[in-house]
Amino acid sequence: MNILRRIALVALAVALLAAPAMPQSGEMGAKPGENAALRYWSAFAQMQDMGLTDSQAKELYRIVEGTAPFVPSTFKELIARNRPALETMASGTELPYCDWGIDYRLGPMAPLDHVGKAAQLGRLNVLYAMQLEMNDPAAAVKTLAVGLRFSHDVASGGTLLSALLAKSLLMAHLRVMASVLQKKDLTAGERATLRNALARIGPDGVDWQAAVKRELAVLRGPLPTADGVKTLDPQALAALARITHLYVSALSNPSVLPELQKTIANAPPPLPHEIPYSVPKRVVEQKQELTQELASVRAKLR
């Protein structure tokens, strides 16, 4: 299954739930070792006992997504065993940029191993913040600030798969943040910590435009087909350029969606197969949901 078809499934799951990578913010002129992704990979290596049973994994997912109550005893030991990984992750969020080093020259075959590991670590951080919320609001605030930055970094230099995961993790942290703000009388310093963390990730939390451009740029390279590896012909390339323009425009102006969907449906093969016309609408909805939640939490912090 190629990456764009996987995206259709990921977009649906979240609803219920390429150009070469460009330098990230702060990367130009950065010193060796300032890449947060290197710390995050170290944190992934430190994760312990993440081979959860199906029932445990489903429960964890429901808790993080806000559809099941958090029972502190359920994952207490798992959180304790993974404190070193969470601390390493936190140290990474202090670094100026994040570059996962994805090699888009490999097209749909580019390894994206960090996405699954980031999902596990990000969800662990949400559970940790929930645990701290009950007894140590100050520590919970710091953990949430760390989680916002890490979630934002998950999408750095990535395609829609990374962007949708980042959105999911950001929403989970924002839900806990809203709970903390409702239940606790935070100090001025704690509120400032959260405001600064939100400022660092920008108004939308994820650079959706960049993710879409990378997603579609993958189609400009060699594509595996039943008849071997092929590339788009000039007519398909011209259609892809039009689709990319409309897709990016739709992210800020949803009224463009019908024209985008029509353009995809009428594009020469293999574009209608590689870009399911229903996905852009879901992506726009995911972007709007995150932007609205970010605005809501920011308003609570004023």
C-alpha atoms as a PDB file:
ATOM      1  CA  MET A   1       0.000   0.000   0.000  1.00  0.00           C
ATOM      2  CA  ASN A   2       1.588   3.288  -1.029  1.00  0.00           C
ATOM      3  CA  ILE A   3       1.837   6.250   1.265  1.00  0.00           C
ATOM      4  CA  LEU A   4      -1.021   8.244  -0.255  1.00  0.00           C
ATOM      5  CA  ARG A   5      -3.446   5.373   0.135  1.00  0.00           C
ATOM      6  CA  ARG A   6      -2.321   4.967   3.721  1.00  0.00           C
ATOM      7  CA  ILE A   7      -3.080   8.654   4.212  1.00  0.00           C
ATOM      8  CA  ALA A   8      -6.711   8.074   3.259  1.00  0.00           C
ATOM      9  CA  LEU A   9      -6.990   5.517   6.035  1.00  0.00           C
ATOM     10  CA  VAL A  10      -5.130   7.714   8.514  1.00  0.00           C
ATOM     11  CA  ALA A  11      -7.389  10.684   7.753  1.00  0.00           C
ATOM     12  CA  LEU A  12     -10.464   8.551   8.349  1.00  0.00           C
ATOM     13  CA  ALA A  13      -9.010   7.150  11.567  1.00  0.00           C
ATOM     14  CA  VAL A  14      -8.223  10.613  12.870  1.00  0.00           C
ATOM     15  CA  ALA A  15     -11.770  11.711  12.096  1.00  0.00           C
ATOM     16  CA  LEU A  16     -12.900   8.974  14.382  1.00  0.00           C
ATOM     17  CA  LEU A  17      -9.906   9.121  16.441  1.00  0.00           C
ATOM     18  CA  ALA A  18       7.865  15.496  -2.401  1.00  0.00           C
ATOM     19  CA  ALA A  19       9.990  17.861  -2.490  1.00  0.00           C
ATOM     20  CA  PRO A  20      13.151  17.261  -0.456  1.00  0.00           C
ATOM     21  CA  ALA A  21      12.710  18.148   3.195  1.00  0.00           C
ATOM     22  CA  MET A  22      13.262  21.858   3.615  1.00  0.00           C
ATOM     23  CA  PRO A  23      15.395  23.253   6.434  1.00  0.00           C
ATOM     24  CA  GLN A  24      13.324  23.733   9.538  1.00  0.00           C
ATOM     25  CA  SER A  25      12.860  26.909  11.509  1.00  0.00           C
ATOM     26  CA  GLY A  26      16.100  27.824  13.170  1.00  0.00           C
ATOM     27  CA  GLU A  27      18.159  25.261  11.252  1.00  0.00           C
ATOM     28  CA  MET A  28      20.177  27.757   9.218  1.00  0.00           C
ATOM     29  CA  GLY A  29      23.312  28.564  11.159  1.00  0.00           C
ATOM     30  CA  ALA A  30      22.496  26.020  13.878  1.00  0.00           C
ATOM     31  CA  LYS A  31      25.295  24.226  15.650  1.00  0.00           C
ATOM     32  CA  PRO A  32      25.831  20.442  15.455  1.00  0.00           C
ATOM     33  CA  GLY A  33      23.707  18.616  17.970  1.00  0.00           C
ATOM     34  CA  GLU A  34      20.908  21.210  18.016  1.00  0.00           C
ATOM     35  CA  ASN A  35      18.548  18.977  16.028  1.00  0.00           C
ATOM     36  CA  ALA A  36      15.699  17.923  18.313  1.00  0.00           C
ATOM     37  CA  ALA A  37      15.015  14.820  16.207  1.00  0.00           C
ATOM     38  CA  LEU A  38      18.275  13.270  17.452  1.00  0.00           C
ATOM     39  CA  ARG A  39      17.077  13.558  21.051  1.00  0.00           C
ATOM     40  CA  TYR A  40      13.699  12.179  20.124  1.00  0.00           C
ATOM     41  CA  TRP A  41      15.304   9.118  18.537  1.00  0.00           C
ATOM     42  CA  SER A  42      17.198   8.609  21.793  1.00  0.00           C
ATOM     43  CA  ALA A  43      13.903   8.832  23.662  1.00  0.00           C
ATOM     44  CA  PHE A  44      12.371   6.231  21.338  1.00  0.00           C
ATOM     45  CA  ALA A  45      15.252   3.887  22.160  1.00  0.00           C
ATOM     46  CA  GLN A  46      14.574   4.375  25.884  1.00  0.00           C
ATOM     47  CA  MET A  47      10.895   3.469  25.720  1.00  0.00           C
ATOM     48  CA  GLN A  48      10.078   0.380  27.782  1.00  0.00           C
ATOM     49  CA  ASP A  49       7.339  -2.246  27.601  1.00  0.00           C
ATOM     50  CA  MET A  50       5.313  -0.629  24.849  1.00  0.00           C
ATOM     51  CA  GLY A  51       4.151  -4.039  23.639  1.00  0.00           C
ATOM     52  CA  LEU A  52       0.695  -3.535  25.117  1.00  0.00           C
ATOM     53  CA  THR A  53      -2.093  -6.068  24.738  1.00  0.00           C
ATOM     54  CA  ASP A  54      -4.886  -5.173  22.330  1.00  0.00           C
ATOM     55  CA  SER A  55      -7.207  -4.235  25.188  1.00  0.00           C
ATOM     56  CA  GLN A  56      -4.531  -2.096  26.877  1.00  0.00           C
ATOM     57  CA  ALA A  57      -3.687  -0.345  23.612  1.00  0.00           C
ATOM     58  CA  LYS A  58      -7.357   0.387  22.936  1.00  0.00           C
ATOM     59  CA  GLU A  59      -7.858   1.716  26.454  1.00  0.00           C
ATOM     60  CA  LEU A  60      -4.796   3.935  26.192  1.00  0.00           C
ATOM     61  CA  TYR A  61      -6.038   5.274  22.866  1.00  0.00           C
ATOM     62  CA  ARG A  62      -9.506   6.034  24.265  1.00  0.00           C
ATOM     63  CA  ILE A  63      -8.041   7.802  27.290  1.00  0.00           C
ATOM     64  CA  VAL A  64      -5.744   9.955  25.184  1.00  0.00           C
ATOM     65  CA  GLU A  65      -8.563  10.763  22.754  1.00  0.00           C
ATOM     66  CA  GLY A  66     -10.795  11.818  25.636  1.00  0.00           C
ATOM     67  CA  THR A  67     -13.423   9.081  25.227  1.00  0.00           C
ATOM     68  CA  ALA A  68     -12.557   7.102  28.375  1.00  0.00           C
ATOM     69  CA  PRO A  69     -11.727   8.184  31.941  1.00  0.00           C
ATOM     70  CA  PHE A  70      -8.129   8.147  33.144  1.00  0.00           C
ATOM     71  CA  VAL A  71      -7.648   5.724  36.036  1.00  0.00           C
ATOM     72  CA  PRO A  72      -4.227   6.551  37.577  1.00  0.00           C
ATOM     73  CA  SER A  73      -3.442   2.973  38.608  1.00  0.00           C
ATOM     74  CA  THR A  74      -3.973   1.548  35.114  1.00  0.00           C
ATOM     75  CA  PHE A  75      -0.807   2.905  33.513  1.00  0.00           C
ATOM     76  CA  LYS A  76       1.096   4.016  36.609  1.00  0.00           C
ATOM     77  CA  GLU A  77       3.898   1.460  36.187  1.00  0.00           C
ATOM     78  CA  LEU A  78       4.143   2.022  32.443  1.00  0.00           C
ATOM     79  CA  ILE A  79       4.602   5.760  32.995  1.00  0.00           C
ATOM     80  CA  ALA A  80       7.194   5.149  35.719  1.00  0.00           C
ATOM     81  CA  ARG A  81       9.240   2.847  33.476  1.00  0.00           C
ATOM     82  CA  ASN A  82       9.201   5.435  30.713  1.00  0.00           C
ATOM     83  CA  ARG A  83      10.131   8.501  32.744  1.00  0.00           C
ATOM     84  CA  PRO A  84      13.705   8.470  31.312  1.00  0.00           C
ATOM     85  CA  ALA A  85      12.296   8.480  27.765  1.00  0.00           C
ATOM     86  CA  LEU A  86       9.943  11.337  28.609  1.00  0.00           C
ATOM     87  CA  GLU A  87      12.791  13.329  30.174  1.00  0.00           C
ATOM     88  CA  THR A  88      14.946  12.839  27.076  1.00  0.00           C
ATOM     89  CA  MET A  89      12.029  13.933  24.916  1.00  0.00           C
ATOM     90  CA  ALA A  90      11.635  17.041  27.084  1.00  0.00           C
ATOM     91  CA  SER A  91      15.294  17.943  26.563  1.00  0.00           C
ATOM     92  CA  GLY A  92      14.740  17.726  22.798  1.00  0.00           C
ATOM     93  CA  THR A  93      11.946  20.268  22.906  1.00  0.00           C
ATOM     94  CA  GLU A  94      14.425  22.881  24.135  1.00  0.00           C
ATOM     95  CA  LEU A  95      16.438  22.663  20.889  1.00  0.00           C
ATOM     96  CA  PRO A  96      15.859  25.183  18.082  1.00  0.00           C
ATOM     97  CA  TYR A  97      14.785  22.952  15.180  1.00  0.00           C
ATOM     98  CA  CYS A  98      13.700  19.433  14.258  1.00  0.00           C
ATOM     99  CA  ASP A  99      14.748  17.630  11.071  1.00  0.00           C
ATOM    100  CA  TRP A 100      13.764  13.958  10.800  1.00  0.00           C
ATOM    101  CA  GLY A 101      15.948  13.569   7.715  1.00  0.00           C
ATOM    102  CA  ILE A 102      13.268  11.973   5.531  1.00  0.00           C
ATOM    103  CA  ASP A 103      14.702  11.079   2.118  1.00  0.00           C
ATOM    104  CA  TYR A 104      11.889  11.930  -0.280  1.00  0.00           C
ATOM    105  CA  ARG A 105      14.012  10.844  -3.223  1.00  0.00           C
ATOM    106  CA  LEU A 106      12.733   7.364  -2.330  1.00  0.00           C
ATOM    107  CA  GLY A 107       9.191   8.489  -3.078  1.00  0.00           C
ATOM    108  CA  PRO A 108       6.439   6.419  -1.449  1.00  0.00           C
ATOM    109  CA  MET A 109       9.095   4.038  -0.138  1.00  0.00           C
ATOM    110  CA  ALA A 110      10.721   6.686   2.094  1.00  0.00           C
ATOM    111  CA  PRO A 111      11.008   5.233   5.639  1.00  0.00           C
ATOM    112  CA  LEU A 112       8.734   6.893   8.174  1.00  0.00           C
ATOM    113  CA  ASP A 113       9.588   4.770  11.201  1.00  0.00           C
ATOM    114  CA  HIS A 114       9.579   7.769  13.507  1.00  0.00           C
ATOM    115  CA  VAL A 115       5.832   8.294  13.093  1.00  0.00           C
ATOM    116  CA  GLY A 116       4.720   5.190  14.983  1.00  0.00           C
ATOM    117  CA  LYS A 117       7.283   5.724  17.728  1.00  0.00           C
ATOM    118  CA  ALA A 118       6.307   9.380  18.065  1.00  0.00           C
ATOM    119  CA  ALA A 119       2.675   8.334  18.481  1.00  0.00           C
ATOM    120  CA  GLN A 120       3.614   6.067  21.396  1.00  0.00           C
ATOM    121  CA  LEU A 121       5.830   8.628  23.110  1.00  0.00           C
ATOM    122  CA  GLY A 122       3.372  11.482  22.623  1.00  0.00           C
ATOM    123  CA  ARG A 123       0.531   9.455  24.123  1.00  0.00           C
ATOM    124  CA  LEU A 124       2.702   8.514  27.073  1.00  0.00           C
ATOM    125  CA  ASN A 125       3.317  12.204  27.696  1.00  0.00           C
ATOM    126  CA  VAL A 126      -0.441  12.850  27.694  1.00  0.00           C
ATOM    127  CA  LEU A 127      -0.917  10.121  30.319  1.00  0.00           C
ATOM    128  CA  TYR A 128       1.926  11.585  32.368  1.00  0.00           C
ATOM    129  CA  ALA A 129       0.324  15.040  32.279  1.00  0.00           C
ATOM    130  CA  MET A 130      -2.992  13.525  33.406  1.00  0.00           C
ATOM    131  CA  GLN A 131      -1.244  11.797  36.275  1.00  0.00           C
ATOM    132  CA  LEU A 132       0.481  15.007  37.371  1.00  0.00           C
ATOM    133  CA  GLU A 133      -2.681  17.095  37.003  1.00  0.00           C
ATOM    134  CA  MET A 134      -4.159  15.496  40.125  1.00  0.00           C
ATOM    135  CA  ASN A 135      -1.343  16.249  42.552  1.00  0.00           C
ATOM    136  CA  ASP A 136       1.229  18.543  40.968  1.00  0.00           C
ATOM    137  CA  PRO A 137      -0.296  21.198  38.657  1.00  0.00           C
ATOM    138  CA  ALA A 138       3.032  22.991  38.202  1.00  0.00           C
ATOM    139  CA  ALA A 139       4.676  19.816  36.883  1.00  0.00           C
ATOM    140  CA  ALA A 140       1.612  19.111  34.736  1.00  0.00           C
ATOM    141  CA  VAL A 141       1.952  22.537  33.137  1.00  0.00           C
ATOM    142  CA  LYS A 142       5.601  21.892  32.240  1.00  0.00           C
ATOM    143  CA  THR A 143       4.733  18.456  30.850  1.00  0.00           C
ATOM    144  CA  LEU A 144       1.960  19.922  28.705  1.00  0.00           C
ATOM    145  CA  ALA A 145       4.283  22.633  27.382  1.00  0.00           C
ATOM    146  CA  VAL A 146       6.795  19.925  26.444  1.00  0.00           C
ATOM    147  CA  GLY A 147       4.054  17.877  24.791  1.00  0.00           C
ATOM    148  CA  LEU A 148       2.890  20.776  22.643  1.00  0.00           C
ATOM    149  CA  ARG A 149       6.383  21.350  21.279  1.00  0.00           C
ATOM    150  CA  PHE A 150       7.023  17.650  20.685  1.00  0.00           C
ATOM    151  CA  SER A 151       3.676  17.217  18.915  1.00  0.00           C
ATOM    152  CA  HIS A 152       4.466  20.203  16.691  1.00  0.00           C
ATOM    153  CA  ASP A 153       7.903  18.760  15.899  1.00  0.00           C
ATOM    154  CA  VAL A 154       6.365  15.430  14.854  1.00  0.00           C
ATOM    155  CA  ALA A 155       5.040  17.152  11.715  1.00  0.00           C
ATOM    156  CA  SER A 156       8.319  18.921  10.965  1.00  0.00           C
ATOM    157  CA  GLY A 157       9.462  18.211   7.411  1.00  0.00           C
ATOM    158  CA  GLY A 158       6.772  15.562   6.992  1.00  0.00           C
ATOM    159  CA  THR A 159       3.833  14.723   4.774  1.00  0.00           C
ATOM    160  CA  LEU A 160       0.171  14.472   5.756  1.00  0.00           C
ATOM    161  CA  LEU A 161       0.760  11.312   7.761  1.00  0.00           C
ATOM    162  CA  SER A 162       3.006  13.274  10.137  1.00  0.00           C
ATOM    163  CA  ALA A 163       0.687  16.289  10.125  1.00  0.00           C
ATOM    164  CA  LEU A 164      -2.371  14.233  11.072  1.00  0.00           C
ATOM    165  CA  LEU A 165      -0.511  12.511  13.897  1.00  0.00           C
ATOM    166  CA  ALA A 166       0.778  15.866  15.152  1.00  0.00           C
ATOM    167  CA  LYS A 167      -2.789  17.183  15.111  1.00  0.00           C
ATOM    168  CA  SER A 168      -4.035  14.210  17.105  1.00  0.00           C
ATOM    169  CA  LEU A 169      -1.317  14.611  19.737  1.00  0.00           C
ATOM    170  CA  LEU A 170      -1.833  18.359  19.974  1.00  0.00           C
ATOM    171  CA  MET A 171      -5.572  17.903  20.493  1.00  0.00           C
ATOM    172  CA  ALA A 172      -4.923  15.382  23.267  1.00  0.00           C
ATOM    173  CA  HIS A 173      -2.561  17.748  25.089  1.00  0.00           C
ATOM    174  CA  LEU A 174      -4.962  20.660  24.614  1.00  0.00           C
ATOM    175  CA  ARG A 175      -7.790  18.662  26.188  1.00  0.00           C
ATOM    176  CA  VAL A 176      -5.694  18.083  29.294  1.00  0.00           C
ATOM    177  CA  MET A 177      -4.653  21.734  29.291  1.00  0.00           C
ATOM    178  CA  ALA A 178      -8.282  22.841  29.184  1.00  0.00           C
ATOM    179  CA  SER A 179      -9.007  20.530  32.122  1.00  0.00           C
ATOM    180  CA  VAL A 180      -6.116  21.958  34.122  1.00  0.00           C
ATOM    181  CA  LEU A 181      -7.288  25.511  33.429  1.00  0.00           C
ATOM    182  CA  GLN A 182     -10.813  24.640  34.525  1.00  0.00           C
ATOM    183  CA  LYS A 183      -9.888  22.833  37.729  1.00  0.00           C
ATOM    184  CA  LYS A 184      -6.787  24.642  38.957  1.00  0.00           C
ATOM    185  CA  ASP A 185      -6.017  28.231  39.862  1.00  0.00           C
ATOM    186  CA  LEU A 186      -2.697  28.497  38.053  1.00  0.00           C
ATOM    187  CA  THR A 187      -0.074  31.045  39.008  1.00  0.00           C
ATOM    188  CA  ALA A 188       0.876  33.851  36.669  1.00  0.00           C
ATOM    189  CA  GLY A 189       4.122  32.029  35.878  1.00  0.00           C
ATOM    190  CA  GLU A 190       2.333  28.782  35.017  1.00  0.00           C
ATOM    191  CA  ARG A 191      -0.089  30.581  32.739  1.00  0.00           C
ATOM    192  CA  ALA A 192       2.851  32.320  31.069  1.00  0.00           C
ATOM    193  CA  THR A 193       4.514  28.936  30.492  1.00  0.00           C
ATOM    194  CA  LEU A 194       1.450  27.697  28.632  1.00  0.00           C
ATOM    195  CA  ARG A 195       1.077  30.916  26.646  1.00  0.00           C
ATOM    196  CA  ASN A 196       4.712  30.739  25.560  1.00  0.00           C
ATOM    197  CA  ALA A 197       4.349  27.072  24.593  1.00  0.00           C
ATOM    198  CA  LEU A 198       1.347  27.912  22.432  1.00  0.00           C
ATOM    199  CA  ALA A 199       3.186  30.833  20.848  1.00  0.00           C
ATOM    200  CA  ARG A 200       6.066  28.523  19.850  1.00  0.00           C
ATOM    201  CA  ILE A 201       3.818  26.285  17.755  1.00  0.00           C
ATOM    202  CA  GLY A 202       2.085  29.081  15.828  1.00  0.00           C
ATOM    203  CA  PRO A 203      -1.612  29.830  15.273  1.00  0.00           C
ATOM    204  CA  ASP A 204      -2.371  26.560  13.461  1.00  0.00           C
ATOM    205  CA  GLY A 205      -0.072  24.213  15.389  1.00  0.00           C
ATOM    206  CA  VAL A 206       0.928  22.425  12.173  1.00  0.00           C
ATOM    207  CA  ASP A 207       2.256  23.726   8.857  1.00  0.00           C
ATOM    208  CA  TRP A 208      -0.496  22.107   6.798  1.00  0.00           C
ATOM    209  CA  GLN A 209       0.478  23.852   3.579  1.00  0.00           C
ATOM    210  CA  ALA A 210       4.006  22.457   3.698  1.00  0.00           C
ATOM    211  CA  ALA A 211       2.703  18.966   4.506  1.00  0.00           C
ATOM    212  CA  VAL A 212       0.357  19.012   1.496  1.00  0.00           C
ATOM    213  CA  LYS A 213       3.107  20.217  -0.834  1.00  0.00           C
ATOM    214  CA  ARG A 214       5.434  17.419   0.300  1.00  0.00           C
ATOM    215  CA  GLU A 215       2.632  14.877   0.034  1.00  0.00           C
ATOM    216  CA  LEU A 216       1.911  15.716  -3.567  1.00  0.00           C
ATOM    217  CA  ALA A 217       5.549  16.276  -4.535  1.00  0.00           C
ATOM    218  CA  VAL A 218       6.145  12.565  -3.879  1.00  0.00           C
ATOM    219  CA  LEU A 219       4.097  11.880  -7.019  1.00  0.00           C
ATOM    220  CA  ARG A 220       6.632  13.710  -9.171  1.00  0.00           C
ATOM    221  CA  GLY A 221       9.160  10.937  -8.596  1.00  0.00           C
ATOM    222  CA  PRO A 222       9.171   7.263  -9.594  1.00  0.00           C
ATOM    223  CA  LEU A 223       5.915   5.511  -8.700  1.00  0.00           C
ATOM    224  CA  PRO A 224       5.631   1.728  -8.298  1.00  0.00           C
ATOM    225  CA  THR A 225       2.831   0.274 -10.446  1.00  0.00           C
ATOM    226  CA  ALA A 226       1.686  -3.192 -11.491  1.00  0.00           C
ATOM    227  CA  ASP A 227       3.686  -2.714 -14.680  1.00  0.00           C
ATOM    228  CA  GLY A 228       6.842  -1.537 -12.944  1.00  0.00           C
ATOM    229  CA  VAL A 229       8.148   1.853 -11.864  1.00  0.00           C
ATOM    230  CA  LYS A 230       6.780   4.783 -13.842  1.00  0.00           C
ATOM    231  CA  THR A 231       6.772   8.583 -13.750  1.00  0.00           C
ATOM    232  CA  LEU A 232       3.995  11.038 -14.564  1.00  0.00           C
ATOM    233  CA  ASP A 233       3.702  12.243 -18.146  1.00  0.00           C
ATOM    234  CA  PRO A 234       3.670  16.000 -18.912  1.00  0.00           C
ATOM    235  CA  GLN A 235      -0.139  16.164 -18.888  1.00  0.00           C
ATOM    236  CA  ALA A 236      -0.344  14.510 -15.472  1.00  0.00           C
ATOM    237  CA  LEU A 237       2.417  16.748 -14.124  1.00  0.00           C
ATOM    238  CA  ALA A 238       0.498  19.842 -15.238  1.00  0.00           C
ATOM    239  CA  ALA A 239      -2.642  18.506 -13.544  1.00  0.00           C
ATOM    240  CA  LEU A 240      -0.674  17.779 -10.376  1.00  0.00           C
ATOM    241  CA  ALA A 241       0.579  21.367 -10.292  1.00  0.00           C
ATOM    242  CA  ARG A 242      -3.025  22.608 -10.540  1.00  0.00           C
ATOM    243  CA  ILE A 243      -4.174  20.185  -7.834  1.00  0.00           C
ATOM    244  CA  THR A 244      -1.357  21.288  -5.519  1.00  0.00           C
ATOM    245  CA  HIS A 245      -2.288  24.951  -5.948  1.00  0.00           C
ATOM    246  CA  LEU A 246      -5.966  24.289  -5.238  1.00  0.00           C
ATOM    247  CA  TYR A 247      -5.222  21.988  -2.301  1.00  0.00           C
ATOM    248  CA  VAL A 248      -3.049  24.593  -0.592  1.00  0.00           C
ATOM    249  CA  SER A 249      -5.670  27.279  -1.288  1.00  0.00           C
ATOM    250  CA  ALA A 250      -8.435  25.111   0.186  1.00  0.00           C
ATOM    251  CA  LEU A 251      -6.638  24.964   3.524  1.00  0.00           C
ATOM    252  CA  SER A 252      -7.320  28.663   4.056  1.00  0.00           C
ATOM    253  CA  ASN A 253     -10.412  28.909   1.850  1.00  0.00           C
ATOM    254  CA  PRO A 254     -12.620  25.783   2.064  1.00  0.00           C
ATOM    255  CA  SER A 255     -14.899  27.132  -0.687  1.00  0.00           C
ATOM    256  CA  VAL A 256     -12.205  25.940  -3.122  1.00  0.00           C
ATOM    257  CA  LEU A 257     -12.862  22.287  -2.172  1.00  0.00           C
ATOM    258  CA  PRO A 258     -15.482  21.528  -4.872  1.00  0.00           C
ATOM    259  CA  GLU A 259     -13.164  22.779  -7.613  1.00  0.00           C
ATOM    260  CA  LEU A 260     -10.285  20.794  -6.110  1.00  0.00           C
ATOM    261  CA  GLN A 261     -12.341  17.592  -5.954  1.00  0.00           C
ATOM    262  CA  LYS A 262     -13.527  18.045  -9.540  1.00  0.00           C
ATOM    263  CA  THR A 263      -9.958  18.653 -10.710  1.00  0.00           C
ATOM    264  CA  ILE A 264      -8.781  15.471  -8.991  1.00  0.00           C
ATOM    265  CA  ALA A 265     -11.635  13.407 -10.466  1.00  0.00           C
ATOM    266  CA  ASN A 266     -10.915  14.675 -13.994  1.00  0.00           C
ATOM    267  CA  ALA A 267      -7.108  14.410 -13.758  1.00  0.00           C
ATOM    268  CA  PRO A 268      -5.302  11.942 -16.015  1.00  0.00           C
ATOM    269  CA  PRO A 269      -4.300   8.598 -14.499  1.00  0.00           C
ATOM    270  CA  PRO A 270      -2.890   7.649 -12.104  1.00  0.00           C
ATOM    271  CA  LEU A 271      -3.730  10.851 -10.164  1.00  0.00           C
ATOM    272  CA  PRO A 272      -7.387  10.073  -9.291  1.00  0.00           C
ATOM    273  CA  HIS A 273      -6.202   6.759  -7.843  1.00  0.00           C
ATOM    274  CA  GLU A 274      -3.250   8.239  -5.970  1.00  0.00           C
ATOM    275  CA  ILE A 275      -5.137  11.242  -4.548  1.00  0.00           C
ATOM    276  CA  PRO A 276      -8.552  10.114  -3.244  1.00  0.00           C
ATOM    277  CA  TYR A 277     -10.841  13.095  -3.846  1.00  0.00           C
ATOM    278  CA  SER A 278     -12.506  12.726  -0.428  1.00  0.00           C
ATOM    279  CA  VAL A 279      -9.285  13.194   1.549  1.00  0.00           C
ATOM    280  CA  PRO A 280      -8.794  16.978   1.065  1.00  0.00           C
ATOM    281  CA  LYS A 281     -12.129  17.698   2.760  1.00  0.00           C
ATOM    282  CA  ARG A 282     -11.106  15.629   5.786  1.00  0.00           C
ATOM    283  CA  VAL A 283      -7.712  17.350   5.941  1.00  0.00           C
ATOM    284  CA  VAL A 284      -9.339  20.790   5.849  1.00  0.00           C
ATOM    285  CA  GLU A 285     -11.705  19.723   8.632  1.00  0.00           C
ATOM    286  CA  GLN A 286      -8.806  18.460  10.740  1.00  0.00           C
ATOM    287  CA  LYS A 287      -6.967  21.763  10.287  1.00  0.00           C
ATOM    288  CA  GLN A 288     -10.076  23.764  11.249  1.00  0.00           C
ATOM    289  CA  GLU A 289     -10.712  21.640  14.348  1.00  0.00           C
ATOM    290  CA  LEU A 290      -7.171  22.120  15.611  1.00  0.00           C
ATOM    291  CA  THR A 291      -7.119  25.857  14.879  1.00  0.00           C
ATOM    292  CA  GLN A 292     -10.405  26.318  16.742  1.00  0.00           C
ATOM    293  CA  GLU A 293      -9.201  24.352  19.768  1.00  0.00           C
ATOM    294  CA  LEU A 294      -5.961  26.327  19.879  1.00  0.00           C
ATOM    295  CA  ALA A 295      -7.908  29.606  19.758  1.00  0.00           C
ATOM    296  CA  SER A 296     -10.211  28.391  22.533  1.00  0.00           C
ATOM    297  CA  VAL A 297      -7.357  27.469  24.878  1.00  0.00           C
ATOM    298  CA  ARG A 298      -5.514  30.712  24.109  1.00  0.00           C
ATOM    299  CA  ALA A 299      -8.649  32.647  25.025  1.00  0.00           C
ATOM    300  CA  LYS A 300      -8.799  30.868  28.389  1.00  0.00           C
ATOM    301  CA  LEU A 301      -5.219  31.970  29.101  1.00  0.00           C
ATOM    302  CA  ARG A 302      -5.816  35.684  28.546  1.00  0.00           C
END
